[in-house]
Amino acid sequence: MRILKQSAVIALTVVAALASSAARADNASPVGLWRNVDDVSGKPRALIRITEANGSLQGKIEKVFLAPNESPSCAKCEGALKNAPVFGLVILSGLKKDGAGFTGGQILDPDNGKTYSSKIYVTDGGKKLNVRGYIGVSLLGRSQIWQRQE
């Protein structure tokens, strides 16, 4: 009887550990709402909602925190995005799972209208997102840390 109780305790412990791992894996997904912060001022810039469709990630601006002198449109963007509202703008696209992160995508910087190659990965137990934009090779770029909002 004692061995049976010990086996039951061990089994419950294993089940709890597996459930905990599954919960952490869900948090490791970049899908959700993220806040990015201005590199210079340290103030929040936008809330970006990352979604997944057909194995590819996309990030769309859901809310913008504009300074009084800032334009709510992508004035420096080119083509169809010229003067498009920043609210609702897709700034991340084409990211696909690659090991622990997502690569092969693009990121648009609405401040300068330029598009860069990008890759992202989740850190800090799903609370932070490392977003890297670069030209050519990843060494030629910059990174931001976005904070999960939900």
N, C-alpha and C. Protein backbone atom coordinates (compact mmCIF):
# COMPACT_ATOMS: atom_id res chain seq x y z
N MET A 1 0.82 -1.19 0.00
CA MET A 1 0.00 0.00 0.00
C MET A 1 0.87 1.26 0.00
N ARG A 2 1.93 1.21 0.80
CA ARG A 2 2.82 2.37 0.89
C ARG A 2 3.49 2.64 -0.45
N ILE A 3 3.88 1.60 -1.15
CA ILE A 3 4.51 1.75 -2.46
C ILE A 3 3.52 2.36 -3.45
N LEU A 4 2.26 1.96 -3.34
CA LEU A 4 1.22 2.50 -4.21
C LEU A 4 1.04 4.00 -3.99
N LYS A 5 1.05 4.42 -2.72
CA LYS A 5 0.90 5.84 -2.40
C LYS A 5 2.10 6.63 -2.93
N GLN A 6 3.30 6.08 -2.75
CA GLN A 6 4.49 6.75 -3.24
C GLN A 6 4.46 6.88 -4.77
N SER A 7 3.99 5.84 -5.44
CA SER A 7 3.88 5.87 -6.90
C SER A 7 2.87 6.93 -7.34
N ALA A 8 1.77 7.04 -6.59
CA ALA A 8 0.76 8.05 -6.92
C ALA A 8 1.32 9.45 -6.74
N VAL A 9 2.08 9.68 -5.69
CA VAL A 9 2.70 10.99 -5.44
C VAL A 9 3.68 11.32 -6.55
N ILE A 10 4.48 10.34 -6.95
CA ILE A 10 5.45 10.56 -8.02
C ILE A 10 4.73 10.87 -9.32
N ALA A 11 3.68 10.12 -9.61
CA ALA A 11 2.91 10.35 -10.84
C ALA A 11 2.31 11.74 -10.85
N LEU A 12 1.73 12.18 -9.72
CA LEU A 12 1.16 13.53 -9.65
C LEU A 12 2.23 14.60 -9.82
N THR A 13 3.39 14.37 -9.26
CA THR A 13 4.49 15.32 -9.40
C THR A 13 4.92 15.44 -10.86
N VAL A 14 5.02 14.31 -11.56
CA VAL A 14 5.40 14.31 -12.97
C VAL A 14 4.34 15.04 -13.80
N VAL A 15 3.06 14.77 -13.54
CA VAL A 15 1.97 15.43 -14.27
C VAL A 15 2.02 16.94 -14.04
N ALA A 16 2.24 17.37 -12.80
CA ALA A 16 2.32 18.80 -12.49
C ALA A 16 3.51 19.45 -13.21
N ALA A 17 4.64 18.76 -13.24
CA ALA A 17 5.82 19.30 -13.92
C ALA A 17 5.56 19.43 -15.42
N LEU A 18 4.92 18.43 -16.01
CA LEU A 18 4.61 18.50 -17.44
C LEU A 18 3.62 19.63 -17.75
N ALA A 19 2.62 19.80 -16.89
CA ALA A 19 1.65 20.88 -17.08
C ALA A 19 2.34 22.23 -16.97
N SER A 20 3.26 22.36 -16.04
CA SER A 20 4.00 23.60 -15.86
C SER A 20 4.85 23.89 -17.10
N SER A 21 5.48 22.86 -17.66
CA SER A 21 6.29 23.03 -18.87
C SER A 21 5.42 23.48 -20.03
N ALA A 22 4.24 22.90 -20.15
CA ALA A 22 3.34 23.28 -21.23
C ALA A 22 2.91 24.74 -21.09
N ALA A 23 2.65 25.18 -19.88
CA ALA A 23 2.26 26.57 -19.65
C ALA A 23 3.40 27.50 -20.04
N ARG A 24 4.64 27.14 -19.69
CA ARG A 24 5.78 27.96 -20.06
C ARG A 24 5.98 27.98 -21.56
N ALA A 25 5.73 26.86 -22.22
CA ALA A 25 5.88 26.81 -23.68
C ALA A 25 4.90 27.76 -24.34
N ASP A 26 3.67 27.85 -23.83
CA ASP A 26 2.69 28.78 -24.38
C ASP A 26 3.20 30.21 -24.24
N ASN A 27 3.81 30.54 -23.10
CA ASN A 27 4.35 31.89 -22.90
C ASN A 27 5.55 32.15 -23.79
N ALA A 28 6.19 31.09 -24.29
CA ALA A 28 7.35 31.26 -25.15
C ALA A 28 6.94 31.67 -26.56
N SER A 29 5.66 31.66 -26.85
CA SER A 29 5.19 32.09 -28.16
C SER A 29 5.18 33.61 -28.24
N PRO A 30 5.61 34.17 -29.36
CA PRO A 30 5.56 35.62 -29.51
C PRO A 30 4.15 36.15 -29.82
N VAL A 31 3.19 35.26 -30.02
CA VAL A 31 1.84 35.70 -30.31
C VAL A 31 1.27 36.41 -29.09
N GLY A 32 0.74 37.62 -29.29
CA GLY A 32 0.18 38.40 -28.20
C GLY A 32 0.42 39.88 -28.41
N LEU A 33 0.19 40.65 -27.34
CA LEU A 33 0.32 42.10 -27.39
C LEU A 33 1.63 42.52 -26.72
N TRP A 34 2.39 43.37 -27.42
CA TRP A 34 3.72 43.81 -26.97
C TRP A 34 3.82 45.32 -26.99
N ARG A 35 4.57 45.88 -26.04
CA ARG A 35 4.84 47.33 -25.99
C ARG A 35 6.30 47.55 -26.36
N ASN A 36 6.53 48.43 -27.33
CA ASN A 36 7.91 48.80 -27.62
C ASN A 36 8.18 50.19 -27.05
N VAL A 37 9.44 50.47 -26.82
CA VAL A 37 9.87 51.69 -26.16
C VAL A 37 10.86 52.41 -27.06
N ASP A 38 10.77 53.74 -27.12
CA ASP A 38 11.69 54.55 -27.90
C ASP A 38 13.11 54.38 -27.39
N ASP A 39 14.04 54.15 -28.31
CA ASP A 39 15.44 53.93 -27.94
C ASP A 39 16.07 55.15 -27.26
N VAL A 40 15.65 56.34 -27.66
CA VAL A 40 16.26 57.57 -27.15
C VAL A 40 15.58 58.06 -25.87
N SER A 41 14.26 58.21 -25.92
CA SER A 41 13.54 58.80 -24.77
C SER A 41 13.21 57.79 -23.68
N GLY A 42 13.16 56.51 -24.03
CA GLY A 42 12.78 55.49 -23.05
C GLY A 42 11.27 55.45 -22.80
N LYS A 43 10.50 56.21 -23.57
CA LYS A 43 9.05 56.26 -23.38
C LYS A 43 8.37 55.25 -24.32
N PRO A 44 7.20 54.75 -23.92
CA PRO A 44 6.46 53.81 -24.79
C PRO A 44 6.14 54.47 -26.14
N ARG A 45 6.27 53.68 -27.22
CA ARG A 45 5.99 54.18 -28.57
C ARG A 45 4.70 53.60 -29.13
N ALA A 46 4.50 52.28 -28.92
CA ALA A 46 3.33 51.65 -29.53
C ALA A 46 3.04 50.31 -28.86
N LEU A 47 1.81 49.85 -29.07
CA LEU A 47 1.44 48.48 -28.74
C LEU A 47 1.28 47.74 -30.05
N ILE A 48 1.94 46.60 -30.16
CA ILE A 48 1.93 45.81 -31.38
C ILE A 48 1.35 44.45 -31.09
N ARG A 49 0.35 44.05 -31.86
CA ARG A 49 -0.28 42.74 -31.72
C ARG A 49 0.35 41.80 -32.73
N ILE A 50 0.99 40.72 -32.23
CA ILE A 50 1.57 39.71 -33.09
C ILE A 50 0.60 38.54 -33.20
N THR A 51 0.30 38.17 -34.44
CA THR A 51 -0.59 37.04 -34.71
C THR A 51 0.13 36.05 -35.63
N GLU A 52 -0.44 34.85 -35.69
CA GLU A 52 0.13 33.82 -36.56
C GLU A 52 -0.94 33.33 -37.53
N ALA A 53 -0.55 33.18 -38.78
CA ALA A 53 -1.43 32.60 -39.80
C ALA A 53 -0.58 31.77 -40.75
N ASN A 54 -0.94 30.53 -40.94
CA ASN A 54 -0.24 29.62 -41.85
C ASN A 54 1.26 29.53 -41.55
N GLY A 55 1.61 29.49 -40.26
CA GLY A 55 3.00 29.33 -39.85
C GLY A 55 3.86 30.57 -39.97
N SER A 56 3.26 31.71 -40.24
CA SER A 56 3.99 32.96 -40.39
C SER A 56 3.45 34.00 -39.41
N LEU A 57 4.35 34.77 -38.81
CA LEU A 57 3.94 35.80 -37.85
C LEU A 57 3.80 37.15 -38.53
N GLN A 58 2.88 37.94 -37.97
CA GLN A 58 2.66 39.30 -38.43
C GLN A 58 2.44 40.19 -37.21
N GLY A 59 2.96 41.39 -37.24
CA GLY A 59 2.78 42.34 -36.15
C GLY A 59 2.14 43.62 -36.64
N LYS A 60 1.03 44.00 -36.01
CA LYS A 60 0.27 45.18 -36.42
C LYS A 60 0.17 46.15 -35.24
N ILE A 61 0.33 47.44 -35.51
CA ILE A 61 0.24 48.46 -34.46
C ILE A 61 -1.22 48.61 -34.03
N GLU A 62 -1.46 48.42 -32.73
CA GLU A 62 -2.81 48.57 -32.17
C GLU A 62 -3.02 49.89 -31.47
N LYS A 63 -1.95 50.47 -30.97
CA LYS A 63 -2.05 51.75 -30.28
C LYS A 63 -0.72 52.47 -30.44
N VAL A 64 -0.79 53.80 -30.59
CA VAL A 64 0.41 54.61 -30.76
C VAL A 64 0.44 55.67 -29.67
N PHE A 65 1.62 55.87 -29.08
CA PHE A 65 1.83 56.92 -28.08
C PHE A 65 2.65 58.01 -28.76
N LEU A 66 1.96 59.00 -29.32
CA LEU A 66 2.64 60.05 -30.08
C LEU A 66 3.01 61.24 -29.20
N ALA A 67 4.17 61.81 -29.49
CA ALA A 67 4.55 63.07 -28.89
C ALA A 67 3.73 64.16 -29.59
N PRO A 68 3.58 65.32 -28.96
CA PRO A 68 2.75 66.38 -29.54
C PRO A 68 3.11 66.78 -30.97
N ASN A 69 4.38 66.70 -31.34
CA ASN A 69 4.81 67.13 -32.68
C ASN A 69 4.90 66.00 -33.70
N GLU A 70 4.50 64.80 -33.32
CA GLU A 70 4.62 63.65 -34.21
C GLU A 70 3.38 63.45 -35.07
N SER A 71 3.63 62.95 -36.27
CA SER A 71 2.54 62.68 -37.20
C SER A 71 1.96 61.29 -36.95
N PRO A 72 0.63 61.16 -37.03
CA PRO A 72 0.02 59.84 -36.87
C PRO A 72 0.05 59.02 -38.15
N SER A 73 0.81 59.49 -39.15
CA SER A 73 0.90 58.76 -40.41
C SER A 73 2.35 58.43 -40.72
N CYS A 74 2.53 57.51 -41.64
CA CYS A 74 3.88 57.08 -42.05
C CYS A 74 4.34 57.98 -43.20
N ALA A 75 4.70 59.21 -42.86
CA ALA A 75 5.05 60.22 -43.86
C ALA A 75 6.27 59.84 -44.69
N LYS A 76 7.21 59.08 -44.11
CA LYS A 76 8.43 58.73 -44.83
C LYS A 76 8.35 57.38 -45.53
N CYS A 77 7.22 56.70 -45.39
CA CYS A 77 7.03 55.43 -46.10
C CYS A 77 6.91 55.69 -47.59
N GLU A 78 7.15 54.65 -48.39
CA GLU A 78 7.06 54.79 -49.84
C GLU A 78 5.94 53.91 -50.38
N GLY A 79 5.54 54.18 -51.61
CA GLY A 79 4.55 53.37 -52.29
C GLY A 79 3.18 53.45 -51.63
N ALA A 80 2.52 52.31 -51.53
CA ALA A 80 1.16 52.24 -51.00
C ALA A 80 1.08 52.67 -49.53
N LEU A 81 2.19 52.60 -48.81
CA LEU A 81 2.19 52.98 -47.39
C LEU A 81 2.45 54.47 -47.16
N LYS A 82 2.76 55.22 -48.21
CA LYS A 82 3.02 56.65 -48.08
C LYS A 82 1.83 57.33 -47.40
N ASN A 83 2.09 57.98 -46.27
CA ASN A 83 1.10 58.69 -45.46
C ASN A 83 -0.01 57.79 -44.90
N ALA A 84 0.23 56.49 -44.88
CA ALA A 84 -0.74 55.56 -44.27
C ALA A 84 -0.79 55.82 -42.77
N PRO A 85 -1.96 55.67 -42.14
CA PRO A 85 -2.03 55.84 -40.68
C PRO A 85 -1.14 54.81 -39.99
N VAL A 86 -0.42 55.26 -38.97
CA VAL A 86 0.45 54.34 -38.22
C VAL A 86 -0.42 53.34 -37.45
N PHE A 87 -1.54 53.80 -36.94
CA PHE A 87 -2.48 52.90 -36.27
C PHE A 87 -2.99 51.89 -37.30
N GLY A 88 -2.83 50.61 -37.00
CA GLY A 88 -3.26 49.56 -37.92
C GLY A 88 -2.20 49.13 -38.92
N LEU A 89 -1.05 49.79 -38.91
CA LEU A 89 0.02 49.49 -39.85
C LEU A 89 0.69 48.15 -39.49
N VAL A 90 0.90 47.29 -40.48
CA VAL A 90 1.63 46.04 -40.28
C VAL A 90 3.11 46.39 -40.34
N ILE A 91 3.82 46.19 -39.22
CA ILE A 91 5.25 46.52 -39.20
C ILE A 91 6.14 45.28 -39.17
N LEU A 92 5.60 44.13 -38.79
CA LEU A 92 6.33 42.87 -38.81
C LEU A 92 5.60 41.92 -39.75
N SER A 93 6.36 41.20 -40.59
CA SER A 93 5.71 40.23 -41.47
C SER A 93 6.70 39.15 -41.88
N GLY A 94 6.14 37.99 -42.25
CA GLY A 94 6.93 36.92 -42.84
C GLY A 94 7.85 36.16 -41.91
N LEU A 95 7.72 36.31 -40.61
CA LEU A 95 8.60 35.61 -39.67
C LEU A 95 8.14 34.15 -39.54
N LYS A 96 9.09 33.23 -39.69
CA LYS A 96 8.77 31.81 -39.59
C LYS A 96 9.65 31.15 -38.52
N LYS A 97 9.10 30.14 -37.88
CA LYS A 97 9.79 29.42 -36.80
C LYS A 97 11.13 28.90 -37.31
N ASP A 98 12.17 29.14 -36.52
CA ASP A 98 13.52 28.70 -36.85
C ASP A 98 14.23 28.40 -35.53
N GLY A 99 14.22 27.15 -35.09
CA GLY A 99 14.82 26.80 -33.81
C GLY A 99 14.04 27.44 -32.68
N ALA A 100 14.74 28.19 -31.83
CA ALA A 100 14.09 28.83 -30.67
C ALA A 100 13.47 30.18 -31.02
N GLY A 101 13.70 30.67 -32.23
CA GLY A 101 13.18 31.98 -32.60
C GLY A 101 12.40 31.95 -33.90
N PHE A 102 12.22 33.13 -34.46
CA PHE A 102 11.53 33.29 -35.74
C PHE A 102 12.40 34.18 -36.61
N THR A 103 12.63 33.77 -37.85
CA THR A 103 13.52 34.50 -38.74
C THR A 103 12.89 34.65 -40.12
N GLY A 104 13.61 35.32 -41.01
CA GLY A 104 13.20 35.43 -42.41
C GLY A 104 12.12 36.46 -42.66
N GLY A 105 11.87 37.31 -41.70
CA GLY A 105 10.81 38.30 -41.86
C GLY A 105 11.35 39.67 -42.17
N GLN A 106 10.41 40.61 -42.14
CA GLN A 106 10.75 42.01 -42.36
C GLN A 106 10.11 42.85 -41.26
N ILE A 107 10.77 43.98 -40.97
CA ILE A 107 10.21 44.93 -40.02
C ILE A 107 10.28 46.32 -40.65
N LEU A 108 9.20 47.06 -40.51
CA LEU A 108 9.10 48.42 -41.02
C LEU A 108 9.29 49.39 -39.86
N ASP A 109 10.15 50.36 -40.05
CA ASP A 109 10.33 51.43 -39.07
C ASP A 109 9.52 52.63 -39.55
N PRO A 110 8.35 52.89 -38.95
CA PRO A 110 7.51 54.00 -39.41
C PRO A 110 8.17 55.37 -39.26
N ASP A 111 9.17 55.48 -38.39
CA ASP A 111 9.84 56.77 -38.20
C ASP A 111 10.67 57.17 -39.41
N ASN A 112 11.29 56.19 -40.09
CA ASN A 112 12.10 56.55 -41.26
C ASN A 112 11.57 55.93 -42.56
N GLY A 113 10.51 55.12 -42.46
CA GLY A 113 9.89 54.55 -43.65
C GLY A 113 10.66 53.40 -44.27
N LYS A 114 11.71 52.93 -43.62
CA LYS A 114 12.54 51.87 -44.20
C LYS A 114 12.13 50.50 -43.67
N THR A 115 12.34 49.50 -44.51
CA THR A 115 12.06 48.11 -44.16
C THR A 115 13.39 47.37 -44.05
N TYR A 116 13.49 46.55 -43.00
CA TYR A 116 14.70 45.80 -42.71
C TYR A 116 14.38 44.31 -42.59
N SER A 117 15.39 43.46 -42.77
CA SER A 117 15.24 42.05 -42.45
C SER A 117 15.05 41.97 -40.94
N SER A 118 14.38 40.92 -40.47
CA SER A 118 14.18 40.84 -39.03
C SER A 118 14.17 39.41 -38.52
N LYS A 119 14.41 39.31 -37.23
CA LYS A 119 14.27 38.06 -36.51
C LYS A 119 13.88 38.40 -35.08
N ILE A 120 13.17 37.49 -34.44
CA ILE A 120 12.72 37.73 -33.07
C ILE A 120 12.85 36.45 -32.26
N TYR A 121 12.97 36.62 -30.94
CA TYR A 121 12.88 35.47 -30.04
C TYR A 121 12.41 35.95 -28.68
N VAL A 122 11.68 35.07 -28.01
CA VAL A 122 11.10 35.37 -26.71
C VAL A 122 12.13 35.05 -25.63
N THR A 123 12.19 35.92 -24.61
CA THR A 123 13.10 35.71 -23.48
C THR A 123 12.34 35.92 -22.16
N ASP A 124 13.03 35.71 -21.08
CA ASP A 124 12.52 35.98 -19.73
C ASP A 124 11.17 35.29 -19.48
N GLY A 125 11.11 34.00 -19.85
CA GLY A 125 9.90 33.23 -19.58
C GLY A 125 8.68 33.72 -20.33
N GLY A 126 8.87 34.37 -21.47
CA GLY A 126 7.75 34.84 -22.27
C GLY A 126 7.36 36.28 -22.00
N LYS A 127 8.10 36.97 -21.12
CA LYS A 127 7.75 38.35 -20.77
C LYS A 127 8.38 39.38 -21.71
N LYS A 128 9.46 38.99 -22.39
CA LYS A 128 10.17 39.94 -23.25
C LYS A 128 10.35 39.34 -24.63
N LEU A 129 10.42 40.23 -25.62
CA LEU A 129 10.64 39.82 -27.00
C LEU A 129 11.83 40.60 -27.54
N ASN A 130 12.85 39.88 -27.97
CA ASN A 130 14.01 40.51 -28.58
C ASN A 130 13.72 40.64 -30.07
N VAL A 131 13.66 41.87 -30.55
CA VAL A 131 13.33 42.16 -31.95
C VAL A 131 14.57 42.76 -32.60
N ARG A 132 15.05 42.11 -33.65
CA ARG A 132 16.25 42.58 -34.34
C ARG A 132 15.91 42.94 -35.77
N GLY A 133 16.27 44.16 -36.18
CA GLY A 133 16.14 44.61 -37.56
C GLY A 133 17.54 44.82 -38.10
N TYR A 134 17.78 44.39 -39.35
CA TYR A 134 19.14 44.48 -39.89
C TYR A 134 19.12 44.57 -41.41
N ILE A 135 20.28 44.96 -41.94
CA ILE A 135 20.49 45.05 -43.38
C ILE A 135 21.52 43.98 -43.75
N GLY A 136 21.14 43.08 -44.62
CA GLY A 136 22.08 42.04 -45.07
C GLY A 136 22.32 40.98 -44.02
N VAL A 137 23.31 41.20 -43.16
CA VAL A 137 23.62 40.25 -42.09
C VAL A 137 23.19 40.84 -40.75
N SER A 138 22.87 39.97 -39.83
CA SER A 138 22.34 40.38 -38.53
C SER A 138 23.27 41.31 -37.75
N LEU A 139 24.56 41.25 -38.03
CA LEU A 139 25.51 42.12 -37.33
C LEU A 139 25.28 43.60 -37.65
N LEU A 140 24.70 43.87 -38.82
CA LEU A 140 24.48 45.25 -39.25
C LEU A 140 23.04 45.66 -38.96
N GLY A 141 22.75 45.91 -37.70
CA GLY A 141 21.39 46.28 -37.33
C GLY A 141 21.30 46.72 -35.89
N ARG A 142 20.08 46.70 -35.38
CA ARG A 142 19.86 47.06 -33.99
C ARG A 142 18.74 46.21 -33.42
N SER A 143 18.75 46.09 -32.12
CA SER A 143 17.74 45.30 -31.43
C SER A 143 16.95 46.16 -30.47
N GLN A 144 15.72 45.74 -30.22
CA GLN A 144 14.88 46.33 -29.19
C GLN A 144 14.32 45.20 -28.35
N ILE A 145 14.04 45.50 -27.11
CA ILE A 145 13.36 44.56 -26.23
C ILE A 145 11.94 45.07 -26.03
N TRP A 146 10.97 44.28 -26.43
CA TRP A 146 9.56 44.61 -26.24
C TRP A 146 9.03 43.88 -25.03
N GLN A 147 8.10 44.48 -24.33
CA GLN A 147 7.50 43.91 -23.10
C GLN A 147 6.11 43.36 -23.40
N ARG A 148 5.84 42.13 -22.94
CA ARG A 148 4.51 41.54 -23.12
C ARG A 148 3.48 42.34 -22.31
N GLN A 149 2.32 42.55 -22.88
CA GLN A 149 1.29 43.34 -22.24
C GLN A 149 0.09 42.53 -21.77
N GLU A 150 0.02 41.26 -22.10
CA GLU A 150 -1.12 40.45 -21.64
C GLU A 150 -0.67 39.08 -21.26
